[in-house]
C-alpha atoms as a PDB file:
ATOM      1  CA  UNK A   1      31.946 -19.825 -38.742  1.00  0.00           C
ATOM      2  CA  UNK A   2      30.635 -16.308 -38.531  1.00  0.00           C
ATOM      3  CA  UNK A   3      26.987 -15.705 -39.293  1.00  0.00           C
ATOM      4  CA  UNK A   4      25.919 -12.167 -39.916  1.00  0.00           C
ATOM      5  CA  UNK A   5      22.654 -10.897 -38.497  1.00  0.00           C
ATOM      6  CA  UNK A   6      20.626 -11.314 -41.717  1.00  0.00           C
ATOM      7  CA  UNK A   7      21.689 -14.954 -41.877  1.00  0.00           C
ATOM      8  CA  UNK A   8      20.649 -15.535 -38.268  1.00  0.00           C
ATOM      9  CA  UNK A   9      17.125 -14.227 -38.954  1.00  0.00           C
ATOM     10  CA  UNK A  10      16.940 -16.454 -42.037  1.00  0.00           C
ATOM     11  CA  UNK A  11      18.089 -19.490 -40.024  1.00  0.00           C
ATOM     12  CA  UNK A  12      15.499 -18.732 -37.332  1.00  0.00           C
ATOM     13  CA  UNK A  13      12.777 -18.893 -40.015  1.00  0.00           C
ATOM     14  CA  UNK A  14      14.195 -22.191 -41.341  1.00  0.00           C
ATOM     15  CA  UNK A  15      14.255 -23.674 -37.818  1.00  0.00           C
ATOM     16  CA  UNK A  16      10.572 -22.804 -37.361  1.00  0.00           C
ATOM     17  CA  UNK A  17      10.725 -19.853 -34.960  1.00  0.00           C
ATOM     18  CA  UNK A  18       7.605 -17.694 -34.803  1.00  0.00           C
ATOM     19  CA  UNK A  19       7.755 -14.621 -37.036  1.00  0.00           C
ATOM     20  CA  UNK A  20       7.014 -12.469 -33.994  1.00  0.00           C
ATOM     21  CA  UNK A  21      10.128 -13.753 -32.179  1.00  0.00           C
ATOM     22  CA  UNK A  22      12.307 -13.304 -35.261  1.00  0.00           C
ATOM     23  CA  UNK A  23      11.041  -9.737 -35.617  1.00  0.00           C
ATOM     24  CA  UNK A  24      11.738  -9.054 -31.915  1.00  0.00           C
ATOM     25  CA  UNK A  25      15.308 -10.342 -32.228  1.00  0.00           C
ATOM     26  CA  UNK A  26      15.880  -8.380 -35.437  1.00  0.00           C
ATOM     27  CA  UNK A  27      14.464  -5.169 -33.939  1.00  0.00           C
ATOM     28  CA  UNK A  28      16.497  -5.473 -30.726  1.00  0.00           C
ATOM     29  CA  UNK A  29      19.681  -5.895 -32.778  1.00  0.00           C
ATOM     30  CA  UNK A  30      19.030  -3.025 -35.187  1.00  0.00           C
ATOM     31  CA  UNK A  31      21.021   0.218 -35.075  1.00  0.00           C
ATOM     32  CA  UNK A  32      23.798  -1.005 -32.763  1.00  0.00           C
ATOM     33  CA  UNK A  33      26.512   1.496 -31.909  1.00  0.00           C
ATOM     34  CA  UNK A  34      29.733   0.889 -29.978  1.00  0.00           C
ATOM     35  CA  UNK A  35      32.751   2.711 -28.578  1.00  0.00           C
ATOM     36  CA  UNK A  36      36.228   1.410 -27.813  1.00  0.00           C
ATOM     37  CA  UNK A  37      38.057   2.352 -24.619  1.00  0.00           C
ATOM     38  CA  UNK A  38      41.839   1.966 -24.408  1.00  0.00           C
ATOM     39  CA  UNK A  39      43.205   3.217 -21.120  1.00  0.00           C
ATOM     40  CA  UNK A  40      41.663   6.662 -20.662  1.00  0.00           C
ATOM     41  CA  UNK A  41      40.987   7.173 -24.387  1.00  0.00           C
ATOM     42  CA  UNK A  42      37.400   6.633 -25.608  1.00  0.00           C
ATOM     43  CA  UNK A  43      36.807   6.448 -29.347  1.00  0.00           C
ATOM     44  CA  UNK A  44      33.911   8.105 -31.076  1.00  0.00           C
ATOM     45  CA  UNK A  45      30.799   6.007 -31.693  1.00  0.00           C
ATOM     46  CA  UNK A  46      30.661   3.742 -34.718  1.00  0.00           C
ATOM     47  CA  UNK A  47      27.875   1.616 -36.139  1.00  0.00           C
ATOM     48  CA  UNK A  48      28.125  -2.181 -35.844  1.00  0.00           C
ATOM     49  CA  UNK A  49      26.739  -3.610 -39.069  1.00  0.00           C
ATOM     50  CA  UNK A  50      27.432  -7.331 -39.018  1.00  0.00           C
ATOM     51  CA  UNK A  51      27.792  -8.868 -35.604  1.00  0.00           C
ATOM     52  CA  UNK A  52      25.723  -9.089 -32.431  1.00  0.00           C
ATOM     53  CA  UNK A  53      26.005  -7.141 -29.231  1.00  0.00           C
ATOM     54  CA  UNK A  54      28.255  -9.136 -26.878  1.00  0.00           C
ATOM     55  CA  UNK A  55      26.728  -9.753 -23.457  1.00  0.00           C
ATOM     56  CA  UNK A  56      23.188  -9.018 -24.640  1.00  0.00           C
ATOM     57  CA  UNK A  57      20.571 -11.161 -22.857  1.00  0.00           C
ATOM     58  CA  UNK A  58      19.254 -12.566 -26.138  1.00  0.00           C
ATOM     59  CA  UNK A  59      22.772 -13.330 -27.433  1.00  0.00           C
ATOM     60  CA  UNK A  60      22.713 -16.763 -25.735  1.00  0.00           C
ATOM     61  CA  UNK A  61      19.648 -17.797 -27.725  1.00  0.00           C
ATOM     62  CA  UNK A  62      21.155 -16.477 -30.945  1.00  0.00           C
ATOM     63  CA  UNK A  63      24.453 -18.260 -30.213  1.00  0.00           C
ATOM     64  CA  UNK A  64      22.586 -21.552 -29.819  1.00  0.00           C
ATOM     65  CA  UNK A  65      20.826 -20.938 -33.142  1.00  0.00           C
ATOM     66  CA  UNK A  66      24.196 -20.386 -34.831  1.00  0.00           C
ATOM     67  CA  UNK A  67      25.584 -23.547 -33.202  1.00  0.00           C
ATOM     68  CA  UNK A  68      22.546 -25.584 -34.304  1.00  0.00           C
ATOM     69  CA  UNK A  69      22.946 -24.205 -37.829  1.00  0.00           C
ATOM     70  CA  UNK A  70      26.631 -25.205 -37.904  1.00  0.00           C
ATOM     71  CA  UNK A  71      25.844 -28.701 -36.631  1.00  0.00           C
ATOM     72  CA  UNK A  72      23.209 -29.199 -39.327  1.00  0.00           C
ATOM     73  CA  UNK A  73      25.181 -27.525 -42.124  1.00  0.00           C
ATOM     74  CA  UNK A  74      28.308 -29.598 -41.540  1.00  0.00           C
ATOM     75  CA  UNK A  75      26.339 -32.764 -40.693  1.00  0.00           C
ATOM     76  CA  UNK A  76      28.072 -33.264 -37.345  1.00  0.00           C
ATOM     77  CA  UNK A  77      26.953 -36.491 -35.659  1.00  0.00           C
ATOM     78  CA  UNK A  78      25.540 -35.622 -32.224  1.00  0.00           C
ATOM     79  CA  UNK A  79      24.900 -39.158 -30.945  1.00  0.00           C
ATOM     80  CA  UNK A  80      27.420 -41.541 -29.430  1.00  0.00           C
ATOM     81  CA  UNK A  81      30.551 -41.009 -27.389  1.00  0.00           C
ATOM     82  CA  UNK A  82      33.993 -39.642 -28.081  1.00  0.00           C
ATOM     83  CA  UNK A  83      35.223 -43.218 -28.610  1.00  0.00           C
ATOM     84  CA  UNK A  84      32.872 -44.316 -31.404  1.00  0.00           C
ATOM     85  CA  UNK A  85      32.613 -41.388 -33.814  1.00  0.00           C
ATOM     86  CA  UNK A  86      34.865 -39.281 -35.985  1.00  0.00           C
ATOM     87  CA  UNK A  87      33.431 -35.788 -35.363  1.00  0.00           C
ATOM     88  CA  UNK A  88      33.413 -34.031 -32.008  1.00  0.00           C
ATOM     89  CA  UNK A  89      31.932 -30.769 -30.762  1.00  0.00           C
ATOM     90  CA  UNK A  90      33.630 -29.053 -27.861  1.00  0.00           C
ATOM     91  CA  UNK A  91      31.874 -25.962 -26.567  1.00  0.00           C
ATOM     92  CA  UNK A  92      32.270 -23.660 -23.608  1.00  0.00           C
ATOM     93  CA  UNK A  93      30.387 -20.360 -23.387  1.00  0.00           C
ATOM     94  CA  UNK A  94      30.793 -18.863 -26.872  1.00  0.00           C
ATOM     95  CA  UNK A  95      33.902 -20.825 -27.890  1.00  0.00           C
ATOM     96  CA  UNK A  96      33.237 -23.836 -30.113  1.00  0.00           C
ATOM     97  CA  UNK A  97      35.529 -26.322 -31.792  1.00  0.00           C
ATOM     98  CA  UNK A  98      34.201 -28.870 -34.303  1.00  0.00           C
ATOM     99  CA  UNK A  99      36.815 -31.560 -34.953  1.00  0.00           C
ATOM    100  CA  UNK A 100      36.664 -34.119 -37.732  1.00  0.00           C
ATOM    101  CA  UNK A 101      39.155 -36.931 -37.251  1.00  0.00           C
END
């Protein structure tokens, strides 16, 4: 599931984050530019319109917001063990798998 930046700010409001924090996150992720380096070649700058800056300090918080949104949206059961429920969440760093058996 990919959430674009506008959706993340909306989800932060729904989850009850302070407007000031939402505004800070939105402002710090506005006007993002990137370059791609392949070997010795460096591309010209381009604007990143939809995704977040990878490795950014606040990206961990935003990742957790996206994960919480996915858990709620798809009604994944978070209680119990792997032996007594049908849905499982496996997560490591920014890789997540939600399995429904």
